[in-house]
Amino acid sequence: MNWVKVLAQDALPQDARKVLKVGNYTILLLHHKEHIYAIDNACPHMRLPLQGGKVTEDNAIVCPWHHSAFDLQSGDVKDWSPWPPGVGRVLAMVSKQKALTIFPTRVEEGSIWVGLEE
């Protein structure tokens, strides 16, 4: 694992989010319920940005485009492309469900670090 220092801890207060370029990735950092998550900023459904997505109480992010929902810790699909009604479900059946890419994080000496595969 290659750990990269990405941001000062105090630059990401509770409920904040930031999009950062880290290596070859565009990563969305989220501070939700006292935990810092780092996820791919592109929804695996159609690669549209997730930064405007709703974060739910059960620790999921919902894509603002087609409402696919992904677990913030594991990246697992909680709901696949239910939007728009009717059409979204049909499109979901012809597209393969893919988990969201999640990156490990740690906070050390006042900085947020993200782990990238080598």
PDB file of N, CA and C in Angstrom:
ATOM      1  N   MET A   1       0.856  -1.178   0.000  1.00  0.00           N
ATOM      2  CA  MET A   1       0.000   0.000   0.000  1.00  0.00           C
ATOM      3  C   MET A   1       0.896   1.234   0.000  1.00  0.00           C
ATOM      4  N   ASN A   2       0.583   2.168  -0.847  1.00  0.00           N
ATOM      5  CA  ASN A   2       1.286   3.439  -0.915  1.00  0.00           C
ATOM      6  C   ASN A   2       0.410   4.499  -0.254  1.00  0.00           C
ATOM      7  N   TRP A   3       0.819   4.999   0.908  1.00  0.00           N
ATOM      8  CA  TRP A   3       0.042   6.002   1.633  1.00  0.00           C
ATOM      9  C   TRP A   3       0.438   7.400   1.181  1.00  0.00           C
ATOM     10  N   VAL A   4      -0.575   8.216   0.866  1.00  0.00           N
ATOM     11  CA  VAL A   4      -0.357   9.570   0.364  1.00  0.00           C
ATOM     12  C   VAL A   4      -1.046  10.561   1.299  1.00  0.00           C
ATOM     13  N   LYS A   5      -0.276  11.557   1.763  1.00  0.00           N
ATOM     14  CA  LYS A   5      -0.866  12.616   2.585  1.00  0.00           C
ATOM     15  C   LYS A   5      -1.657  13.529   1.659  1.00  0.00           C
ATOM     16  N   VAL A   6      -2.978  13.709   1.940  1.00  0.00           N
ATOM     17  CA  VAL A   6      -3.819  14.453   1.008  1.00  0.00           C
ATOM     18  C   VAL A   6      -4.366  15.768   1.540  1.00  0.00           C
ATOM     19  N   LEU A   7      -4.496  15.893   2.856  1.00  0.00           N
ATOM     20  CA  LEU A   7      -5.173  17.073   3.387  1.00  0.00           C
ATOM     21  C   LEU A   7      -4.927  17.182   4.887  1.00  0.00           C
ATOM     22  N   ALA A   8      -4.910  18.413   5.383  1.00  0.00           N
ATOM     23  CA  ALA A   8      -4.862  18.615   6.832  1.00  0.00           C
ATOM     24  C   ALA A   8      -6.203  18.184   7.424  1.00  0.00           C
ATOM     25  N   GLN A   9      -6.166  17.529   8.566  1.00  0.00           N
ATOM     26  CA  GLN A   9      -7.380  17.028   9.193  1.00  0.00           C
ATOM     27  C   GLN A   9      -8.400  18.138   9.441  1.00  0.00           C
ATOM     28  N   ASP A  10      -7.942  19.304   9.877  1.00  0.00           N
ATOM     29  CA  ASP A  10      -8.888  20.397  10.169  1.00  0.00           C
ATOM     30  C   ASP A  10      -9.468  21.041   8.912  1.00  0.00           C
ATOM     31  N   ALA A  11      -8.995  20.661   7.725  1.00  0.00           N
ATOM     32  CA  ALA A  11      -9.551  21.174   6.471  1.00  0.00           C
ATOM     33  C   ALA A  11     -10.784  20.380   6.031  1.00  0.00           C
ATOM     34  N   LEU A  12     -11.131  19.329   6.791  1.00  0.00           N
ATOM     35  CA  LEU A  12     -12.303  18.517   6.468  1.00  0.00           C
ATOM     36  C   LEU A  12     -13.140  18.329   7.738  1.00  0.00           C
ATOM     37  N   PRO A  13     -13.899  19.377   8.130  1.00  0.00           N
ATOM     38  CA  PRO A  13     -14.709  19.264   9.337  1.00  0.00           C
ATOM     39  C   PRO A  13     -15.851  18.248   9.159  1.00  0.00           C
ATOM     40  N   GLN A  14     -16.494  17.905  10.273  1.00  0.00           N
ATOM     41  CA  GLN A  14     -17.617  16.975  10.260  1.00  0.00           C
ATOM     42  C   GLN A  14     -18.638  17.383   9.196  1.00  0.00           C
ATOM     43  N   ASP A  15     -19.118  16.416   8.413  1.00  0.00           N
ATOM     44  CA  ASP A  15     -20.116  16.579   7.342  1.00  0.00           C
ATOM     45  C   ASP A  15     -19.590  17.306   6.108  1.00  0.00           C
ATOM     46  N   ALA A  16     -18.301  17.550   6.047  1.00  0.00           N
ATOM     47  CA  ALA A  16     -17.716  18.209   4.876  1.00  0.00           C
ATOM     48  C   ALA A  16     -17.296  17.158   3.854  1.00  0.00           C
ATOM     49  N   ARG A  17     -17.045  17.635   2.623  1.00  0.00           N
ATOM     50  CA  ARG A  17     -16.527  16.780   1.553  1.00  0.00           C
ATOM     51  C   ARG A  17     -15.615  17.599   0.664  1.00  0.00           C
ATOM     52  N   LYS A  18     -14.646  16.918   0.098  1.00  0.00           N
ATOM     53  CA  LYS A  18     -13.704  17.567  -0.819  1.00  0.00           C
ATOM     54  C   LYS A  18     -13.329  16.580  -1.911  1.00  0.00           C
ATOM     55  N   VAL A  19     -13.186  17.107  -3.134  1.00  0.00           N
ATOM     56  CA  VAL A  19     -12.719  16.304  -4.259  1.00  0.00           C
ATOM     57  C   VAL A  19     -11.251  16.639  -4.474  1.00  0.00           C
ATOM     58  N   LEU A  20     -10.428  15.588  -4.538  1.00  0.00           N
ATOM     59  CA  LEU A  20      -8.990  15.763  -4.697  1.00  0.00           C
ATOM     60  C   LEU A  20      -8.461  14.846  -5.785  1.00  0.00           C
ATOM     61  N   LYS A  21      -7.466  15.305  -6.497  1.00  0.00           N
ATOM     62  CA  LYS A  21      -6.744  14.461  -7.441  1.00  0.00           C
ATOM     63  C   LYS A  21      -5.590  13.829  -6.668  1.00  0.00           C
ATOM     64  N   VAL A  22      -5.577  12.488  -6.613  1.00  0.00           N
ATOM     65  CA  VAL A  22      -4.529  11.767  -5.897  1.00  0.00           C
ATOM     66  C   VAL A  22      -3.978  10.713  -6.855  1.00  0.00           C
ATOM     67  N   GLY A  23      -2.763  10.916  -7.314  1.00  0.00           N
ATOM     68  CA  GLY A  23      -2.206  10.018  -8.317  1.00  0.00           C
ATOM     69  C   GLY A  23      -3.065  10.066  -9.570  1.00  0.00           C
ATOM     70  N   ASN A  24      -3.497   8.908 -10.047  1.00  0.00           N
ATOM     71  CA  ASN A  24      -4.360   8.841 -11.233  1.00  0.00           C
ATOM     72  C   ASN A  24      -5.836   8.855 -10.887  1.00  0.00           C
ATOM     73  N   TYR A  25      -6.179   9.093  -9.637  1.00  0.00           N
ATOM     74  CA  TYR A  25      -7.558   9.010  -9.178  1.00  0.00           C
ATOM     75  C   TYR A  25      -8.117  10.384  -8.834  1.00  0.00           C
ATOM     76  N   THR A  26      -9.423  10.533  -9.033  1.00  0.00           N
ATOM     77  CA  THR A  26     -10.161  11.672  -8.497  1.00  0.00           C
ATOM     78  C   THR A  26     -10.963  11.106  -7.339  1.00  0.00           C
ATOM     79  N   ILE A  27     -10.607  11.535  -6.138  1.00  0.00           N
ATOM     80  CA  ILE A  27     -11.147  10.951  -4.914  1.00  0.00           C
ATOM     81  C   ILE A  27     -12.042  11.961  -4.209  1.00  0.00           C
ATOM     82  N   LEU A  28     -13.166  11.448  -3.720  1.00  0.00           N
ATOM     83  CA  LEU A  28     -14.063  12.240  -2.894  1.00  0.00           C
ATOM     84  C   LEU A  28     -13.804  11.858  -1.438  1.00  0.00           C
ATOM     85  N   LEU A  29     -13.375  12.839  -0.643  1.00  0.00           N
ATOM     86  CA  LEU A  29     -13.209  12.640   0.797  1.00  0.00           C
ATOM     87  C   LEU A  29     -14.483  13.102   1.489  1.00  0.00           C
ATOM     88  N   LEU A  30     -14.976  12.285   2.395  1.00  0.00           N
ATOM     89  CA  LEU A  30     -16.188  12.596   3.151  1.00  0.00           C
ATOM     90  C   LEU A  30     -15.906  12.428   4.634  1.00  0.00           C
ATOM     91  N   HIS A  31     -16.372  13.372   5.434  1.00  0.00           N
ATOM     92  CA  HIS A  31     -16.276  13.241   6.890  1.00  0.00           C
ATOM     93  C   HIS A  31     -17.702  13.053   7.395  1.00  0.00           C
ATOM     94  N   HIS A  32     -18.051  11.808   7.710  1.00  0.00           N
ATOM     95  CA  HIS A  32     -19.422  11.465   8.088  1.00  0.00           C
ATOM     96  C   HIS A  32     -19.397  10.631   9.357  1.00  0.00           C
ATOM     97  N   LYS A  33     -20.151  11.058  10.343  1.00  0.00           N
ATOM     98  CA  LYS A  33     -20.251  10.336  11.622  1.00  0.00           C
ATOM     99  C   LYS A  33     -18.881  10.031  12.223  1.00  0.00           C
ATOM    100  N   GLU A  34     -18.043  11.041  12.293  1.00  0.00           N
ATOM    101  CA  GLU A  34     -16.718  10.931  12.909  1.00  0.00           C
ATOM    102  C   GLU A  34     -15.755  10.003  12.164  1.00  0.00           C
ATOM    103  N   HIS A  35     -16.087   9.630  10.953  1.00  0.00           N
ATOM    104  CA  HIS A  35     -15.204   8.775  10.160  1.00  0.00           C
ATOM    105  C   HIS A  35     -14.878   9.476   8.842  1.00  0.00           C
ATOM    106  N   ILE A  36     -13.662   9.308   8.367  1.00  0.00           N
ATOM    107  CA  ILE A  36     -13.273   9.890   7.080  1.00  0.00           C
ATOM    108  C   ILE A  36     -13.225   8.778   6.045  1.00  0.00           C
ATOM    109  N   TYR A  37     -13.992   8.975   4.982  1.00  0.00           N
ATOM    110  CA  TYR A  37     -14.071   8.017   3.891  1.00  0.00           C
ATOM    111  C   TYR A  37     -13.401   8.610   2.659  1.00  0.00           C
ATOM    112  N   ALA A  38     -12.770   7.768   1.870  1.00  0.00           N
ATOM    113  CA  ALA A  38     -12.203   8.172   0.578  1.00  0.00           C
ATOM    114  C   ALA A  38     -12.769   7.213  -0.464  1.00  0.00           C
ATOM    115  N   ILE A  39     -13.484   7.775  -1.442  1.00  0.00           N
ATOM    116  CA  ILE A  39     -14.126   6.952  -2.467  1.00  0.00           C
ATOM    117  C   ILE A  39     -13.808   7.524  -3.848  1.00  0.00           C
ATOM    118  N   ASP A  40     -13.927   6.675  -4.843  1.00  0.00           N
ATOM    119  CA  ASP A  40     -13.814   7.142  -6.226  1.00  0.00           C
ATOM    120  C   ASP A  40     -14.947   8.132  -6.452  1.00  0.00           C
ATOM    121  N   ASN A  41     -14.647   9.291  -7.018  1.00  0.00           N
ATOM    122  CA  ASN A  41     -15.678  10.307  -7.241  1.00  0.00           C
ATOM    123  C   ASN A  41     -16.558   9.987  -8.446  1.00  0.00           C
ATOM    124  N   ALA A  42     -16.327   8.894  -9.120  1.00  0.00           N
ATOM    125  CA  ALA A  42     -17.134   8.522 -10.292  1.00  0.00           C
ATOM    126  C   ALA A  42     -18.001   7.314  -9.961  1.00  0.00           C
ATOM    127  N   CYS A  43     -19.298   7.459 -10.135  1.00  0.00           N
ATOM    128  CA  CYS A  43     -20.224   6.353  -9.912  1.00  0.00           C
ATOM    129  C   CYS A  43     -19.901   5.227 -10.897  1.00  0.00           C
ATOM    130  N   PRO A  44     -19.830   3.993 -10.442  1.00  0.00           N
ATOM    131  CA  PRO A  44     -19.488   2.891 -11.353  1.00  0.00           C
ATOM    132  C   PRO A  44     -20.563   2.609 -12.406  1.00  0.00           C
ATOM    133  N   HIS A  45     -21.745   3.168 -12.241  1.00  0.00           N
ATOM    134  CA  HIS A  45     -22.821   2.939 -13.208  1.00  0.00           C
ATOM    135  C   HIS A  45     -22.518   3.606 -14.542  1.00  0.00           C
ATOM    136  N   MET A  46     -22.321   4.935 -14.526  1.00  0.00           N
ATOM    137  CA  MET A  46     -22.040   5.658 -15.766  1.00  0.00           C
ATOM    138  C   MET A  46     -20.866   6.620 -15.635  1.00  0.00           C
ATOM    139  N   ARG A  47     -20.088   6.472 -14.555  1.00  0.00           N
ATOM    140  CA  ARG A  47     -18.884   7.276 -14.308  1.00  0.00           C
ATOM    141  C   ARG A  47     -19.189   8.762 -14.105  1.00  0.00           C
ATOM    142  N   LEU A  48     -20.393   9.089 -13.678  1.00  0.00           N
ATOM    143  CA  LEU A  48     -20.754  10.473 -13.385  1.00  0.00           C
ATOM    144  C   LEU A  48     -20.314  10.814 -11.955  1.00  0.00           C
ATOM    145  N   PRO A  49     -20.035  12.104 -11.671  1.00  0.00           N
ATOM    146  CA  PRO A  49     -19.479  12.481 -10.367  1.00  0.00           C
ATOM    147  C   PRO A  49     -20.446  12.245  -9.201  1.00  0.00           C
ATOM    148  N   LEU A  50     -19.872  11.804  -8.092  1.00  0.00           N
ATOM    149  CA  LEU A  50     -20.652  11.526  -6.884  1.00  0.00           C
ATOM    150  C   LEU A  50     -20.632  12.661  -5.866  1.00  0.00           C
ATOM    151  N   GLN A  51     -19.832  13.689  -6.083  1.00  0.00           N
ATOM    152  CA  GLN A  51     -19.640  14.698  -5.045  1.00  0.00           C
ATOM    153  C   GLN A  51     -20.931  15.364  -4.576  1.00  0.00           C
ATOM    154  N   GLY A  52     -21.969  15.413  -5.393  1.00  0.00           N
ATOM    155  CA  GLY A  52     -23.242  15.996  -4.970  1.00  0.00           C
ATOM    156  C   GLY A  52     -24.201  14.981  -4.403  1.00  0.00           C
ATOM    157  N   GLY A  53     -23.745  13.738  -4.208  1.00  0.00           N
ATOM    158  CA  GLY A  53     -24.622  12.672  -3.723  1.00  0.00           C
ATOM    159  C   GLY A  53     -24.983  12.819  -2.262  1.00  0.00           C
ATOM    160  N   LYS A  54     -26.164  12.337  -1.928  1.00  0.00           N
ATOM    161  CA  LYS A  54     -26.636  12.356  -0.547  1.00  0.00           C
ATOM    162  C   LYS A  54     -25.937  11.255   0.239  1.00  0.00           C
ATOM    163  N   VAL A  55     -25.507  11.587   1.454  1.00  0.00           N
ATOM    164  CA  VAL A  55     -24.949  10.597   2.371  1.00  0.00           C
ATOM    165  C   VAL A  55     -26.062  10.252   3.361  1.00  0.00           C
ATOM    166  N   THR A  56     -26.347   8.962   3.476  1.00  0.00           N
ATOM    167  CA  THR A  56     -27.467   8.516   4.295  1.00  0.00           C
ATOM    168  C   THR A  56     -27.035   8.170   5.715  1.00  0.00           C
ATOM    169  N   GLU A  57     -28.008   8.030   6.588  1.00  0.00           N
ATOM    170  CA  GLU A  57     -27.729   7.678   7.975  1.00  0.00           C
ATOM    171  C   GLU A  57     -27.136   6.274   8.114  1.00  0.00           C
ATOM    172  N   ASP A  58     -27.395   5.395   7.129  1.00  0.00           N
ATOM    173  CA  ASP A  58     -26.843   4.045   7.199  1.00  0.00           C
ATOM    174  C   ASP A  58     -25.515   3.937   6.442  1.00  0.00           C
ATOM    175  N   ASN A  59     -24.809   5.059   6.311  1.00  0.00           N
ATOM    176  CA  ASN A  59     -23.455   5.116   5.745  1.00  0.00           C
ATOM    177  C   ASN A  59     -23.381   4.688   4.279  1.00  0.00           C
ATOM    178  N   ALA A  60     -24.265   5.241   3.479  1.00  0.00           N
ATOM    179  CA  ALA A  60     -24.226   5.017   2.035  1.00  0.00           C
ATOM    180  C   ALA A  60     -24.168   6.369   1.345  1.00  0.00           C
ATOM    181  N   ILE A  61     -23.664   6.362   0.117  1.00  0.00           N
ATOM    182  CA  ILE A  61     -23.752   7.549  -0.722  1.00  0.00           C
ATOM    183  C   ILE A  61     -24.669   7.194  -1.885  1.00  0.00           C
ATOM    184  N   VAL A  62     -25.569   8.129  -2.205  1.00  0.00           N
ATOM    185  CA  VAL A  62     -26.541   7.931  -3.276  1.00  0.00           C
ATOM    186  C   VAL A  62     -26.140   8.821  -4.444  1.00  0.00           C
ATOM    187  N   CYS A  63     -25.927   8.207  -5.589  1.00  0.00           N
ATOM    188  CA  CYS A  63     -25.546   8.956  -6.781  1.00  0.00           C
ATOM    189  C   CYS A  63     -26.643   9.968  -7.128  1.00  0.00           C
ATOM    190  N   PRO A  64     -26.271  11.228  -7.377  1.00  0.00           N
ATOM    191  CA  PRO A  64     -27.288  12.235  -7.687  1.00  0.00           C
ATOM    192  C   PRO A  64     -27.911  12.056  -9.075  1.00  0.00           C
ATOM    193  N   TRP A  65     -27.358  11.196  -9.899  1.00  0.00           N
ATOM    194  CA  TRP A  65     -27.824  11.063 -11.287  1.00  0.00           C
ATOM    195  C   TRP A  65     -28.874   9.970 -11.455  1.00  0.00           C
ATOM    196  N   HIS A  66     -28.562   8.750 -11.038  1.00  0.00           N
ATOM    197  CA  HIS A  66     -29.493   7.634 -11.229  1.00  0.00           C
ATOM    198  C   HIS A  66     -29.840   6.929  -9.922  1.00  0.00           C
ATOM    199  N   HIS A  67     -29.411   7.533  -8.808  1.00  0.00           N
ATOM    200  CA  HIS A  67     -29.765   7.117  -7.453  1.00  0.00           C
ATOM    201  C   HIS A  67     -29.233   5.748  -7.038  1.00  0.00           C
ATOM    202  N   SER A  68     -28.193   5.266  -7.710  1.00  0.00           N
ATOM    203  CA  SER A  68     -27.523   4.067  -7.205  1.00  0.00           C
ATOM    204  C   SER A  68     -26.945   4.413  -5.836  1.00  0.00           C
ATOM    205  N   ALA A  69     -26.971   3.447  -4.913  1.00  0.00           N
ATOM    206  CA  ALA A  69     -26.472   3.680  -3.556  1.00  0.00           C
ATOM    207  C   ALA A  69     -25.367   2.685  -3.245  1.00  0.00           C
ATOM    208  N   PHE A  70     -24.322   3.177  -2.569  1.00  0.00           N
ATOM    209  CA  PHE A  70     -23.137   2.372  -2.276  1.00  0.00           C
ATOM    210  C   PHE A  70     -22.741   2.535  -0.815  1.00  0.00           C
ATOM    211  N   ASP A  71     -22.374   1.435  -0.189  1.00  0.00           N
ATOM    212  CA  ASP A  71     -21.898   1.452   1.183  1.00  0.00           C
ATOM    213  C   ASP A  71     -20.550   2.180   1.233  1.00  0.00           C
ATOM    214  N   LEU A  72     -20.409   3.139   2.140  1.00  0.00           N
ATOM    215  CA  LEU A  72     -19.181   3.932   2.217  1.00  0.00           C
ATOM    216  C   LEU A  72     -17.982   3.142   2.731  1.00  0.00           C
ATOM    217  N   GLN A  73     -18.209   2.095   3.507  1.00  0.00           N
ATOM    218  CA  GLN A  73     -17.079   1.324   4.032  1.00  0.00           C
ATOM    219  C   GLN A  73     -16.611   0.245   3.065  1.00  0.00           C
ATOM    220  N   SER A  74     -17.544  -0.438   2.438  1.00  0.00           N
ATOM    221  CA  SER A  74     -17.172  -1.575   1.591  1.00  0.00           C
ATOM    222  C   SER A  74     -17.255  -1.279   0.096  1.00  0.00           C
ATOM    223  N   GLY A  75     -18.049  -0.280  -0.281  1.00  0.00           N
ATOM    224  CA  GLY A  75     -18.287   0.005  -1.696  1.00  0.00           C
ATOM    225  C   GLY A  75     -19.380  -0.851  -2.297  1.00  0.00           C
ATOM    226  N   ASP A  76     -19.934  -1.786  -1.510  1.00  0.00           N
ATOM    227  CA  ASP A  76     -20.977  -2.683  -2.015  1.00  0.00           C
ATOM    228  C   ASP A  76     -22.201  -1.910  -2.484  1.00  0.00           C
ATOM    229  N   VAL A  77     -22.862  -2.454  -3.498  1.00  0.00           N
ATOM    230  CA  VAL A  77     -24.076  -1.852  -4.041  1.00  0.00           C
ATOM    231  C   VAL A  77     -25.226  -2.097  -3.068  1.00  0.00           C
ATOM    232  N   LYS A  78     -25.913  -1.020  -2.675  1.00  0.00           N
ATOM    233  CA  LYS A  78     -27.117  -1.134  -1.854  1.00  0.00           C
ATOM    234  C   LYS A  78     -28.362  -1.016  -2.731  1.00  0.00           C
ATOM    235  N   ASP A  79     -28.267  -0.252  -3.811  1.00  0.00           N
ATOM    236  CA  ASP A  79     -29.373  -0.103  -4.766  1.00  0.00           C
ATOM    237  C   ASP A  79     -28.754   0.271  -6.098  1.00  0.00           C
ATOM    238  N   TRP A  80     -29.212  -0.354  -7.159  1.00  0.00           N
ATOM    239  CA  TRP A  80     -28.603  -0.155  -8.471  1.00  0.00           C
ATOM    240  C   TRP A  80     -29.560   0.556  -9.417  1.00  0.00           C
ATOM    241  N   SER A  81     -29.253   1.778  -9.758  1.00  0.00           N
ATOM    242  CA  SER A  81     -29.895   2.581 -10.795  1.00  0.00           C
ATOM    243  C   SER A  81     -31.427   2.549 -10.808  1.00  0.00           C
ATOM    244  N   PRO A  82     -32.065   2.989  -9.716  1.00  0.00           N
ATOM    245  CA  PRO A  82     -33.528   2.998  -9.713  1.00  0.00           C
ATOM    246  C   PRO A  82     -34.155   4.220 -10.391  1.00  0.00           C
ATOM    247  N   TRP A  83     -33.353   5.119 -10.899  1.00  0.00           N
ATOM    248  CA  TRP A  83     -33.873   6.378 -11.455  1.00  0.00           C
ATOM    249  C   TRP A  83     -33.551   6.495 -12.924  1.00  0.00           C
ATOM    250  N   PRO A  84     -34.374   7.049 -13.773  1.00  0.00           N
ATOM    251  CA  PRO A  84     -35.742   7.479 -13.485  1.00  0.00           C
ATOM    252  C   PRO A  84     -36.676   6.288 -13.305  1.00  0.00           C
ATOM    253  N   PRO A  85     -37.795   6.501 -12.629  1.00  0.00           N
ATOM    254  CA  PRO A  85     -38.724   5.399 -12.362  1.00  0.00           C
ATOM    255  C   PRO A  85     -39.076   4.638 -13.648  1.00  0.00           C
ATOM    256  N   GLY A  86     -39.141   3.336 -13.531  1.00  0.00           N
ATOM    257  CA  GLY A  86     -39.473   2.495 -14.683  1.00  0.00           C
ATOM    258  C   GLY A  86     -38.286   2.311 -15.600  1.00  0.00           C
ATOM    259  N   VAL A  87     -37.849   3.375 -16.237  1.00  0.00           N
ATOM    260  CA  VAL A  87     -36.731   3.318 -17.179  1.00  0.00           C
ATOM    261  C   VAL A  87     -35.438   2.945 -16.471  1.00  0.00           C
ATOM    262  N   GLY A  88     -35.228   3.501 -15.291  1.00  0.00           N
ATOM    263  CA  GLY A  88     -34.006   3.216 -14.542  1.00  0.00           C
ATOM    264  C   GLY A  88     -33.856   1.733 -14.238  1.00  0.00           C
ATOM    265  N   ARG A  89     -34.927   1.095 -13.829  1.00  0.00           N
ATOM    266  CA  ARG A  89     -34.876  -0.343 -13.520  1.00  0.00           C
ATOM    267  C   ARG A  89     -34.559  -1.168 -14.766  1.00  0.00           C
ATOM    268  N   VAL A  90     -35.106  -0.757 -15.919  1.00  0.00           N
ATOM    269  CA  VAL A  90     -34.808  -1.453 -17.171  1.00  0.00           C
ATOM    270  C   VAL A  90     -33.329  -1.280 -17.520  1.00  0.00           C
ATOM    271  N   LEU A  91     -32.830  -0.059 -17.421  1.00  0.00           N
ATOM    272  CA  LEU A  91     -31.416   0.194 -17.699  1.00  0.00           C
ATOM    273  C   LEU A  91     -30.516  -0.553 -16.714  1.00  0.00           C
ATOM    274  N   ALA A  92     -30.957  -0.656 -15.463  1.00  0.00           N
ATOM    275  CA  ALA A  92     -30.173  -1.369 -14.455  1.00  0.00           C
ATOM    276  C   ALA A  92     -30.039  -2.844 -14.814  1.00  0.00           C
ATOM    277  N   MET A  93     -31.073  -3.406 -15.419  1.00  0.00           N
ATOM    278  CA  MET A  93     -31.030  -4.831 -15.772  1.00  0.00           C
ATOM    279  C   MET A  93     -30.031  -5.120 -16.888  1.00  0.00           C
ATOM    280  N   VAL A  94     -29.766  -4.139 -17.745  1.00  0.00           N
ATOM    281  CA  VAL A  94     -28.841  -4.360 -18.857  1.00  0.00           C
ATOM    282  C   VAL A  94     -27.427  -3.892 -18.537  1.00  0.00           C
ATOM    283  N   SER A  95     -27.230  -3.284 -17.388  1.00  0.00           N
ATOM    284  CA  SER A  95     -25.881  -2.878 -16.997  1.00  0.00           C
ATOM    285  C   SER A  95     -25.455  -3.702 -15.788  1.00  0.00           C
ATOM    286  N   LYS A  96     -24.211  -4.105 -15.787  1.00  0.00           N
ATOM    287  CA  LYS A  96     -23.690  -4.950 -14.716  1.00  0.00           C
ATOM    288  C   LYS A  96     -23.442  -4.133 -13.448  1.00  0.00           C
ATOM    289  N   GLN A  97     -23.937  -4.633 -12.327  1.00  0.00           N
ATOM    290  CA  GLN A  97     -23.676  -3.962 -11.055  1.00  0.00           C
ATOM    291  C   GLN A  97     -22.191  -4.020 -10.738  1.00  0.00           C
ATOM    292  N   LYS A  98     -21.653  -2.884 -10.324  1.00  0.00           N
ATOM    293  CA  LYS A  98     -20.240  -2.802  -9.964  1.00  0.00           C
ATOM    294  C   LYS A  98     -20.126  -2.063  -8.642  1.00  0.00           C
ATOM    295  N   ALA A  99     -19.270  -2.562  -7.786  1.00  0.00           N
ATOM    296  CA  ALA A  99     -19.032  -1.904  -6.502  1.00  0.00           C
ATOM    297  C   ALA A  99     -18.275  -0.597  -6.720  1.00  0.00           C
ATOM    298  N   LEU A 100     -18.444   0.296  -5.789  1.00  0.00           N
ATOM    299  CA  LEU A 100     -17.728   1.566  -5.779  1.00  0.00           C
ATOM    300  C   LEU A 100     -16.318   1.336  -5.232  1.00  0.00           C
ATOM    301  N   THR A 101     -15.329   1.943  -5.855  1.00  0.00           N
ATOM    302  CA  THR A 101     -13.950   1.827  -5.371  1.00  0.00           C
ATOM    303  C   THR A 101     -13.791   2.662  -4.101  1.00  0.00           C
ATOM    304  N   ILE A 102     -13.296   2.003  -3.070  1.00  0.00           N
ATOM    305  CA  ILE A 102     -13.066   2.617  -1.762  1.00  0.00           C
ATOM    306  C   ILE A 102     -11.567   2.604  -1.494  1.00  0.00           C
ATOM    307  N   PHE A 103     -11.066   3.665  -0.903  1.00  0.00           N
ATOM    308  CA  PHE A 103      -9.651   3.761  -0.551  1.00  0.00           C
ATOM    309  C   PHE A 103      -9.537   3.823   0.970  1.00  0.00           C
ATOM    310  N   PRO A 104      -8.591   3.093   1.564  1.00  0.00           N
ATOM    311  CA  PRO A 104      -8.412   3.181   3.020  1.00  0.00           C
ATOM    312  C   PRO A 104      -7.908   4.567   3.409  1.00  0.00           C
ATOM    313  N   THR A 105      -8.290   4.984   4.603  1.00  0.00           N
ATOM    314  CA  THR A 105      -7.827   6.276   5.125  1.00  0.00           C
ATOM    315  C   THR A 105      -7.256   6.084   6.523  1.00  0.00           C
ATOM    316  N   ARG A 106      -6.443   7.031   6.893  1.00  0.00           N
ATOM    317  CA  ARG A 106      -5.970   7.105   8.274  1.00  0.00           C
ATOM    318  C   ARG A 106      -5.681   8.569   8.569  1.00  0.00           C
ATOM    319  N   VAL A 107      -5.755   8.908   9.840  1.00  0.00           N
ATOM    320  CA  VAL A 107      -5.414  10.257  10.294  1.00  0.00           C
ATOM    321  C   VAL A 107      -4.195  10.114  11.190  1.00  0.00           C
ATOM    322  N   GLU A 108      -3.178  10.874  10.836  1.00  0.00           N
ATOM    323  CA  GLU A 108      -1.915  10.773  11.563  1.00  0.00           C
ATOM    324  C   GLU A 108      -1.277  12.146  11.638  1.00  0.00           C
ATOM    325  N   GLU A 109      -0.905  12.555  12.833  1.00  0.00           N
ATOM    326  CA  GLU A 109      -0.215  13.828  13.053  1.00  0.00           C
ATOM    327  C   GLU A 109      -0.932  15.000  12.387  1.00  0.00           C
ATOM    328  N   GLY A 110      -2.269  15.017  12.493  1.00  0.00           N
ATOM    329  CA  GLY A 110      -3.049  16.132  11.980  1.00  0.00           C
ATOM    330  C   GLY A 110      -3.285  16.132  10.478  1.00  0.00           C
ATOM    331  N   SER A 111      -2.947  15.030   9.811  1.00  0.00           N
ATOM    332  CA  SER A 111      -3.143  14.953   8.361  1.00  0.00           C
ATOM    333  C   SER A 111      -3.971  13.726   8.009  1.00  0.00           C
ATOM    334  N   ILE A 112      -4.699  13.837   6.895  1.00  0.00           N
ATOM    335  CA  ILE A 112      -5.466  12.723   6.352  1.00  0.00           C
ATOM    336  C   ILE A 112      -4.615  12.054   5.286  1.00  0.00           C
ATOM    337  N   TRP A 113      -4.505  10.739   5.380  1.00  0.00           N
ATOM    338  CA  TRP A 113      -3.740   9.932   4.436  1.00  0.00           C
ATOM    339  C   TRP A 113      -4.685   8.987   3.722  1.00  0.00           C
ATOM    340  N   VAL A 114      -4.437   8.750   2.440  1.00  0.00           N
ATOM    341  CA  VAL A 114      -5.215   7.818   1.628  1.00  0.00           C
ATOM    342  C   VAL A 114      -4.274   6.746   1.101  1.00  0.00           C
ATOM    343  N   GLY A 115      -4.713   5.496   1.190  1.00  0.00           N
ATOM    344  CA  GLY A 115      -3.911   4.380   0.695  1.00  0.00           C
ATOM    345  C   GLY A 115      -4.254   4.029  -0.735  1.00  0.00           C
ATOM    346  N   LEU A 116      -3.241   3.956  -1.570  1.00  0.00           N
ATOM    347  CA  LEU A 116      -3.404   3.570  -2.967  1.00  0.00           C
ATOM    348  C   LEU A 116      -2.686   2.247  -3.210  1.00  0.00           C
ATOM    349  N   GLU A 117      -3.291   1.405  -4.023  1.00  0.00           N
ATOM    350  CA  GLU A 117      -2.628   0.137  -4.395  1.00  0.00           C
ATOM    351  C   GLU A 117      -1.385   0.480  -5.204  1.00  0.00           C
ATOM    352  N   GLU A 118      -0.330  -0.285  -4.981  1.00  0.00           N
ATOM    353  CA  GLU A 118       0.912  -0.033  -5.729  1.00  0.00           C
ATOM    354  C   GLU A 118       0.898  -0.761  -7.048  1.00  0.00           C
TER     355      GLU A 118
END
